[in-house]
Amino acid sequence: MTDHPAVPSGKPTSYSRVTLSRIMTAVDVNLYGTVHGGVLMKFVDDVAGASAARHSGGTAVTASIDEIVFSEPVRVGELVHAHAQVNWTGNTSMEVGVRVVAERWDSAEDEPVRVATAYLVFVGVDVGGAPRAVRPVLPESPDDERRFREAEIRRAHRLARRRAIQAHRAA
């Protein structure tokens, strides 16, 4: 008999969905008058962390940012929304997908514009900081199933890259 704690029961994808919103101000901009990528990166990490913690039922820490793509600039006065959800879970890790959209202040009636997307990996940790089991995510829709499968592809690429780098260093 093992002494491992039982894996918690799964939760649907919708359980992990979190949205954070904020208006960008003058302290957020760079010399070009657009919001610093680092400001958006922190915003992405914040919303992803909230999603991972909600899904895992406790503390979760950022292990890596797999990808972040800035597709449109963000300017002062724009209302920015970051939407996150857990796409995939392993034993102790989770991939969280984030979509960032902006409501342009000068065209508030238009649909929000996608300004960034990101994929982050989080690890559930216990009070001592050791990895802990996280509950499985249960995809609910065809889009959730697609995100789950694509997350598995990104994970396979991360692991293959790590093995290739380790093999190169050992040579």
Protein backbone atom coordinates (compact mmCIF):
# COMPACT_ATOMS: atom_id res chain seq x y z
CA MET A 1 0.00 0.00 0.00
CA THR A 2 1.36 3.40 -0.95
CA ASP A 3 1.48 6.42 1.29
CA HIS A 4 0.54 8.88 -1.48
CA PRO A 5 -2.45 11.15 -0.98
CA ALA A 6 -5.38 10.45 -3.28
CA VAL A 7 -5.77 12.58 -6.39
CA PRO A 8 -8.72 14.94 -5.88
CA SER A 9 -11.76 14.43 -8.10
CA GLY A 10 -11.76 16.33 -11.41
CA LYS A 11 -13.31 19.72 -12.08
CA PRO A 12 -14.78 20.99 -15.36
CA THR A 13 -12.84 23.52 -17.41
CA SER A 14 -15.37 26.24 -16.56
CA TYR A 15 -14.47 25.94 -12.86
CA SER A 16 -11.00 27.36 -13.57
CA ARG A 17 -12.09 30.33 -15.69
CA VAL A 18 -10.99 33.69 -14.32
CA THR A 19 -11.10 37.20 -15.79
CA LEU A 20 -9.13 40.18 -14.50
CA SER A 21 -9.69 43.68 -15.89
CA ARG A 22 -7.88 46.98 -15.51
CA ILE A 23 -7.54 50.34 -17.20
CA MET A 24 -4.03 51.05 -18.46
CA THR A 25 -2.52 54.29 -17.13
CA ALA A 26 0.49 56.51 -17.82
CA VAL A 27 2.66 54.50 -15.40
CA ASP A 28 2.20 51.41 -17.61
CA VAL A 29 3.68 52.85 -20.82
CA ASN A 30 7.11 52.78 -22.42
CA LEU A 31 8.90 55.52 -24.35
CA TYR A 32 6.81 54.71 -27.45
CA GLY A 33 3.53 55.49 -25.70
CA THR A 34 2.36 51.87 -25.59
CA VAL A 35 1.99 49.61 -22.58
CA HIS A 36 5.18 47.77 -21.57
CA GLY A 37 5.20 44.10 -22.51
CA GLY A 38 6.32 43.40 -18.94
CA VAL A 39 3.17 45.04 -17.55
CA LEU A 40 1.07 42.74 -19.71
CA MET A 41 3.24 39.74 -18.76
CA LYS A 42 2.62 40.37 -15.06
CA PHE A 43 -1.09 40.77 -15.76
CA VAL A 44 -1.04 37.45 -17.66
CA ASP A 45 0.83 35.73 -14.80
CA ASP A 46 -1.62 37.13 -12.23
CA VAL A 47 -4.74 35.87 -14.02
CA ALA A 48 -3.13 32.51 -14.85
CA GLY A 49 -2.07 32.08 -11.22
CA ALA A 50 -5.61 32.76 -10.02
CA SER A 51 -6.96 30.20 -12.50
CA ALA A 52 -4.38 27.57 -11.48
CA ALA A 53 -5.01 28.13 -7.77
CA ARG A 54 -8.78 27.93 -8.24
CA HIS A 55 -8.53 24.72 -10.25
CA SER A 56 -5.97 23.02 -8.01
CA GLY A 57 -7.66 24.06 -4.79
CA GLY A 58 -4.55 25.63 -3.29
CA THR A 59 -1.22 27.23 -3.97
CA ALA A 60 0.17 26.95 -7.49
CA VAL A 61 3.41 28.50 -8.70
CA THR A 62 4.56 29.52 -12.17
CA ALA A 63 6.95 26.92 -13.57
CA SER A 64 7.30 28.35 -17.07
CA ILE A 65 5.79 30.61 -19.63
CA ASP A 66 5.58 28.40 -22.66
CA GLU A 67 4.65 31.13 -25.09
CA ILE A 68 3.43 34.70 -25.10
CA VAL A 69 2.47 36.52 -28.28
CA PHE A 70 1.77 40.25 -28.41
CA SER A 71 -0.46 40.83 -31.42
CA GLU A 72 -1.56 44.46 -31.02
CA PRO A 73 -0.26 47.42 -28.98
CA VAL A 74 -2.14 48.60 -25.89
CA ARG A 75 -2.38 52.29 -25.05
CA VAL A 76 -3.20 54.46 -22.03
CA GLY A 77 -6.90 54.57 -21.22
CA GLU A 78 -7.77 51.20 -22.69
CA LEU A 79 -9.73 48.73 -20.60
CA VAL A 80 -7.86 45.44 -20.76
CA HIS A 81 -9.34 42.06 -19.86
CA ALA A 82 -7.26 38.93 -19.29
CA HIS A 83 -9.21 35.66 -19.54
CA ALA A 84 -7.62 32.45 -18.25
CA GLN A 85 -8.54 28.79 -17.93
CA VAL A 86 -6.77 25.53 -17.19
CA ASN A 87 -6.36 23.68 -20.50
CA TRP A 88 -4.59 20.52 -19.31
CA THR A 89 -3.47 18.83 -16.12
CA GLY A 90 -0.79 16.28 -15.31
CA ASN A 91 0.00 14.81 -11.90
CA THR A 92 1.27 18.04 -10.32
CA SER A 93 1.32 20.48 -13.23
CA MET A 94 -1.26 22.41 -15.24
CA GLU A 95 -1.21 24.39 -18.45
CA VAL A 96 -3.16 27.63 -18.27
CA GLY A 97 -4.17 29.47 -21.44
CA VAL A 98 -4.62 33.24 -21.34
CA ARG A 99 -6.27 35.54 -23.87
CA VAL A 100 -5.86 39.30 -23.40
CA VAL A 101 -8.26 41.72 -25.09
CA ALA A 102 -8.51 45.51 -25.03
CA GLU A 103 -11.47 47.81 -25.32
CA ARG A 104 -10.19 50.80 -27.26
CA TRP A 105 -11.13 54.04 -25.47
CA ASP A 106 -11.75 55.85 -28.77
CA SER A 107 -14.02 53.13 -30.17
CA ALA A 108 -15.77 51.72 -27.12
CA GLU A 109 -18.70 50.38 -29.14
CA ASP A 110 -16.43 48.10 -31.19
CA GLU A 111 -15.64 44.53 -30.17
CA PRO A 112 -12.58 44.17 -27.91
CA VAL A 113 -9.33 43.57 -29.82
CA ARG A 114 -7.15 40.55 -29.02
CA VAL A 115 -3.81 41.98 -27.91
CA ALA A 116 -1.98 38.95 -26.50
CA THR A 117 -2.17 35.22 -25.91
CA ALA A 118 -0.06 33.08 -23.62
CA TYR A 119 0.42 29.56 -22.30
CA LEU A 120 1.88 29.07 -18.84
CA VAL A 121 2.72 25.98 -16.81
CA PHE A 122 1.95 25.96 -13.10
CA VAL A 123 2.77 23.40 -10.43
CA GLY A 124 0.57 22.80 -7.40
CA VAL A 125 2.63 23.02 -4.21
CA ASP A 126 1.99 22.18 -0.58
CA VAL A 127 2.77 24.41 2.42
CA GLY A 128 6.41 23.27 2.35
CA GLY A 129 6.77 24.13 -1.33
CA ALA A 130 6.89 20.52 -2.54
CA PRO A 131 4.85 19.55 -5.62
CA ARG A 132 1.42 18.14 -4.81
CA ALA A 133 -1.20 16.30 -6.84
CA VAL A 134 -3.67 18.48 -8.74
CA ARG A 135 -7.16 17.45 -9.74
CA PRO A 136 -7.77 16.53 -13.38
CA VAL A 137 -9.40 19.06 -15.66
CA LEU A 138 -12.54 17.79 -17.40
CA PRO A 139 -13.00 19.43 -20.83
CA GLU A 140 -16.63 20.40 -21.43
CA SER A 141 -16.81 21.52 -25.06
CA PRO A 142 -15.16 20.78 -28.40
CA ASP A 143 -13.01 23.92 -27.88
CA ASP A 144 -11.95 22.63 -24.44
CA GLU A 145 -11.07 19.25 -25.98
CA ARG A 146 -9.02 20.98 -28.69
CA ARG A 147 -7.18 23.08 -26.10
CA PHE A 148 -6.46 19.93 -24.06
CA ARG A 149 -4.98 18.12 -27.10
CA GLU A 150 -2.92 21.17 -28.15
CA ALA A 151 -1.61 21.48 -24.58
CA GLU A 152 -0.41 17.87 -24.78
CA ILE A 153 1.49 18.76 -27.98
CA ARG A 154 3.13 21.77 -26.28
CA ARG A 155 4.07 19.55 -23.32
CA ALA A 156 5.64 16.94 -25.62
CA HIS A 157 7.67 19.70 -27.29
CA ARG A 158 8.84 21.08 -23.93
CA LEU A 159 9.96 17.63 -22.79
CA ALA A 160 11.69 16.86 -26.12
CA ARG A 161 13.51 20.21 -26.02
CA ARG A 162 14.66 19.54 -22.44
CA ARG A 163 15.95 16.06 -23.40
CA ALA A 164 17.76 17.44 -26.47
CA ILE A 165 19.46 20.18 -24.44
CA GLN A 166 20.49 17.70 -21.71
CA ALA A 167 21.89 15.31 -24.34
CA HIS A 168 23.84 18.16 -25.97
CA ARG A 169 25.30 19.24 -22.62
CA ALA A 170 26.30 15.67 -21.80
CA ALA A 171 28.12 15.29 -25.12
